Amino acid sequence: MYGIIYYNLFLKGSARMIILGIDPGLAIVGWGVVEYRSGKFRTLGYGAIRTPAGTRTEERLAGIYRDLNTVIDRFRPDEMAVEELFFTNNITTGIRVAEARGIVLLCGEQKGIRISEYTPPQVKQAVVGYGRAEKKQVMTMVTSLLGLKEVPKPDDTADALAIAVCHGHSSASRIAQFFNN
């Protein structure tokens, strides 16, 4: 029976998933929405939430919250994929990004969206096939996979689309494993 359900859901293409990918940040939150169906992606929308430098952190976080809720309400994603943080030398910047990431997670949770998190090497592996790929390689592959005419700008937006693609590939693998066990 599981084989039949698997066939009906994925080989005939009746199942679809709307994925919201998020590259969190305080200055820029990249977002990208894709539809994933039968192993293929279709871009539904992408962009960036920008907060002005020099504004109080709590105002910037409120702006991220408001604008991300607008994106969620518009596209009604089934799932959200968020990049995990990695810290560089500037711990203060890392903390601010973590605060913004918390707002992203809160938005998803409040809307009842299933949230998955991926490290940068996981995203690179899923998109390019190599966990240490260069940023340019990831951007080129995302552009190709999604059939876009040019690399999305800013880079945070391209990263968000890569995270959504990563989630599509990862969730398809988990579903296939479930039905084949």
Protein backbone atom coordinates (compact mmCIF):
# COMPACT_ATOMS: atom_id res chain seq x y z
CA MET A 1 0.00 0.00 0.00
CA TYR A 2 2.79 2.45 0.79
CA GLY A 3 4.22 1.92 -2.69
CA ILE A 4 0.89 2.84 -4.25
CA ILE A 5 0.56 5.97 -2.11
CA TYR A 6 4.13 6.92 -2.98
CA TYR A 7 3.33 6.50 -6.68
CA ASN A 8 0.15 8.55 -6.45
CA LEU A 9 1.74 11.35 -4.46
CA PHE A 10 5.02 11.78 -6.26
CA LEU A 11 5.10 10.13 -9.66
CA LYS A 12 1.78 11.57 -10.77
CA GLY A 13 2.64 14.94 -9.25
CA SER A 14 -0.51 15.48 -7.23
CA ALA A 15 1.36 16.43 -4.06
CA ARG A 16 2.89 19.85 -3.83
CA MET A 17 4.69 21.71 -1.12
CA ILE A 18 5.15 25.45 -0.82
CA ILE A 19 8.47 26.18 0.89
CA LEU A 20 9.58 29.50 2.36
CA GLY A 21 13.37 29.71 2.61
CA ILE A 22 14.85 32.28 4.97
CA ASP A 23 18.38 33.66 5.28
CA PRO A 24 18.13 35.55 8.58
CA GLY A 25 19.89 38.79 9.37
CA LEU A 26 19.24 42.06 11.15
CA ALA A 27 20.01 44.40 8.24
CA ILE A 28 18.65 42.07 5.54
CA VAL A 29 16.42 39.01 5.79
CA GLY A 30 16.46 37.18 2.47
CA TRP A 31 13.34 35.21 1.62
CA GLY A 32 12.36 32.96 -1.25
CA VAL A 33 9.20 30.96 -1.89
CA VAL A 34 9.20 27.92 -4.14
CA GLU A 35 6.70 25.27 -5.06
CA TYR A 36 8.14 21.75 -5.02
CA ARG A 37 6.27 19.11 -6.98
CA SER A 38 7.49 15.81 -8.45
CA GLY A 39 11.14 16.71 -7.95
CA LYS A 40 10.76 20.05 -9.72
CA PHE A 41 10.83 23.58 -8.41
CA ARG A 42 8.86 26.63 -9.45
CA THR A 43 9.68 30.04 -8.05
CA LEU A 44 6.67 31.83 -6.59
CA GLY A 45 8.42 34.90 -5.20
CA TYR A 46 11.53 36.22 -3.53
CA GLY A 47 12.89 39.36 -1.99
CA ALA A 48 14.53 40.90 1.02
CA ILE A 49 13.32 42.57 4.17
CA ARG A 50 15.64 45.48 4.87
CA THR A 51 15.93 47.37 8.12
CA PRO A 52 17.65 50.76 8.28
CA ALA A 53 21.01 51.05 10.02
CA GLY A 54 20.99 53.41 12.97
CA THR A 55 17.48 52.37 13.98
CA ARG A 56 16.93 50.87 17.42
CA THR A 57 17.28 47.08 17.39
CA GLU A 58 13.76 46.56 18.73
CA GLU A 59 12.34 48.66 15.89
CA ARG A 60 14.29 46.63 13.35
CA LEU A 61 13.04 43.37 14.87
CA ALA A 62 9.46 44.66 14.83
CA GLY A 63 9.86 45.54 11.15
CA ILE A 64 11.15 42.04 10.36
CA TYR A 65 8.22 40.53 12.25
CA ARG A 66 5.66 42.67 10.43
CA ASP A 67 7.12 42.23 6.95
CA LEU A 68 7.73 38.49 7.31
CA ASN A 69 4.14 37.98 8.44
CA THR A 70 3.05 39.80 5.28
CA VAL A 71 5.15 37.41 3.14
CA ILE A 72 3.70 34.39 4.98
CA ASP A 73 0.13 35.66 4.60
CA ARG A 74 0.66 36.26 0.88
CA PHE A 75 2.25 32.92 -0.05
CA ARG A 76 0.83 30.63 2.68
CA PRO A 77 3.83 28.26 2.78
CA ASP A 78 3.43 24.70 4.02
CA GLU A 79 6.95 24.63 5.41
CA MET A 80 9.72 27.03 6.32
CA ALA A 81 13.45 26.36 5.98
CA VAL A 82 15.83 28.59 7.93
CA GLU A 83 19.60 28.75 7.80
CA GLU A 84 21.35 27.95 11.07
CA LEU A 85 23.78 30.52 12.37
CA PHE A 86 27.50 30.29 12.20
CA PHE A 87 29.57 32.80 14.11
CA THR A 88 32.47 34.71 12.69
CA ASN A 89 34.78 36.93 14.71
CA ASN A 90 32.19 39.58 15.60
CA ILE A 91 30.10 38.17 18.46
CA THR A 92 27.98 41.36 18.71
CA THR A 93 26.84 40.97 15.11
CA GLY A 94 26.17 37.27 15.74
CA ILE A 95 23.92 38.09 18.69
CA ARG A 96 21.92 40.61 16.65
CA VAL A 97 21.51 38.10 13.83
CA ALA A 98 20.40 35.50 16.40
CA GLU A 99 17.76 37.93 17.65
CA ALA A 100 16.47 38.41 14.09
CA ARG A 101 16.51 34.65 13.57
CA GLY A 102 14.40 34.29 16.72
CA ILE A 103 11.81 36.61 15.18
CA VAL A 104 11.78 34.46 12.02
CA LEU A 105 11.21 31.30 14.06
CA LEU A 106 8.48 33.02 16.08
CA CYS A 107 6.64 34.06 12.91
CA GLY A 108 6.69 30.53 11.56
CA GLU A 109 5.60 29.00 14.85
CA GLN A 110 2.74 31.46 15.31
CA LYS A 111 1.47 30.68 11.79
CA GLY A 112 1.66 26.92 12.45
CA ILE A 113 4.30 26.31 9.79
CA ARG A 114 6.62 23.33 10.12
CA ILE A 115 10.17 24.69 10.46
CA SER A 116 13.40 22.96 9.46
CA GLU A 117 16.91 24.28 9.91
CA TYR A 118 19.98 23.73 7.76
CA THR A 119 23.66 24.56 8.11
CA PRO A 120 25.47 26.33 5.25
CA PRO A 121 27.34 23.11 4.31
CA GLN A 122 24.03 21.19 4.16
CA VAL A 123 22.59 23.82 1.81
CA LYS A 124 25.69 23.74 -0.41
CA GLN A 125 25.61 19.94 -0.51
CA ALA A 126 21.92 19.86 -1.48
CA VAL A 127 22.19 22.56 -4.14
CA VAL A 128 25.66 22.05 -5.64
CA GLY A 129 26.55 18.53 -4.49
CA TYR A 130 29.58 19.71 -2.54
CA GLY A 131 29.40 20.99 1.06
CA ARG A 132 32.31 23.37 0.61
CA ALA A 133 31.14 24.94 -2.63
CA GLU A 134 31.87 28.61 -3.25
CA LYS A 135 29.05 31.11 -2.88
CA LYS A 136 29.15 31.87 -6.61
CA GLN A 137 28.62 28.18 -7.43
CA VAL A 138 25.54 28.08 -5.17
CA MET A 139 24.10 31.21 -6.78
CA THR A 140 24.70 29.88 -10.29
CA MET A 141 23.08 26.54 -9.46
CA VAL A 142 20.05 28.15 -7.80
CA THR A 143 19.56 30.36 -10.84
CA SER A 144 19.73 27.31 -13.10
CA LEU A 145 17.55 25.01 -10.97
CA LEU A 146 14.82 27.64 -10.68
CA GLY A 147 15.03 28.74 -14.31
CA LEU A 148 15.70 32.36 -13.38
CA LYS A 149 17.10 34.82 -15.93
CA GLU A 150 19.62 36.25 -13.49
CA VAL A 151 21.01 35.67 -10.03
CA PRO A 152 18.59 37.09 -7.45
CA LYS A 153 19.83 40.16 -5.60
CA PRO A 154 20.82 40.80 -2.90
CA ASP A 155 22.90 37.70 -2.10
CA ASP A 156 20.68 37.05 0.94
CA THR A 157 17.75 36.44 -1.42
CA ALA A 158 19.71 33.93 -3.50
CA ASP A 159 20.75 32.24 -0.26
CA ALA A 160 17.12 32.03 0.87
CA LEU A 161 16.13 30.36 -2.40
CA ALA A 162 19.04 27.91 -1.96
CA ILE A 163 17.73 27.07 1.52
CA ALA A 164 14.26 26.42 0.08
CA VAL A 165 15.75 24.15 -2.61
CA CYS A 166 17.76 22.33 0.06
CA HIS A 167 14.58 21.72 2.03
CA GLY A 168 12.73 20.45 -1.03
CA HIS A 169 15.45 17.92 -1.73
CA SER A 170 15.76 16.95 1.94
CA SER A 171 12.05 16.55 2.60
CA ALA A 172 11.56 14.53 -0.59
CA SER A 173 14.29 12.17 0.64
CA ARG A 174 12.64 11.80 4.04
CA ILE A 175 9.23 11.11 2.49
CA ALA A 176 10.64 8.56 0.05
CA GLN A 177 12.47 6.82 2.91
CA PHE A 178 9.25 6.66 4.91
CA PHE A 179 7.27 5.08 2.08
CA ASN A 180 10.04 2.66 1.11
CA ASN A 181 10.48 1.27 4.65
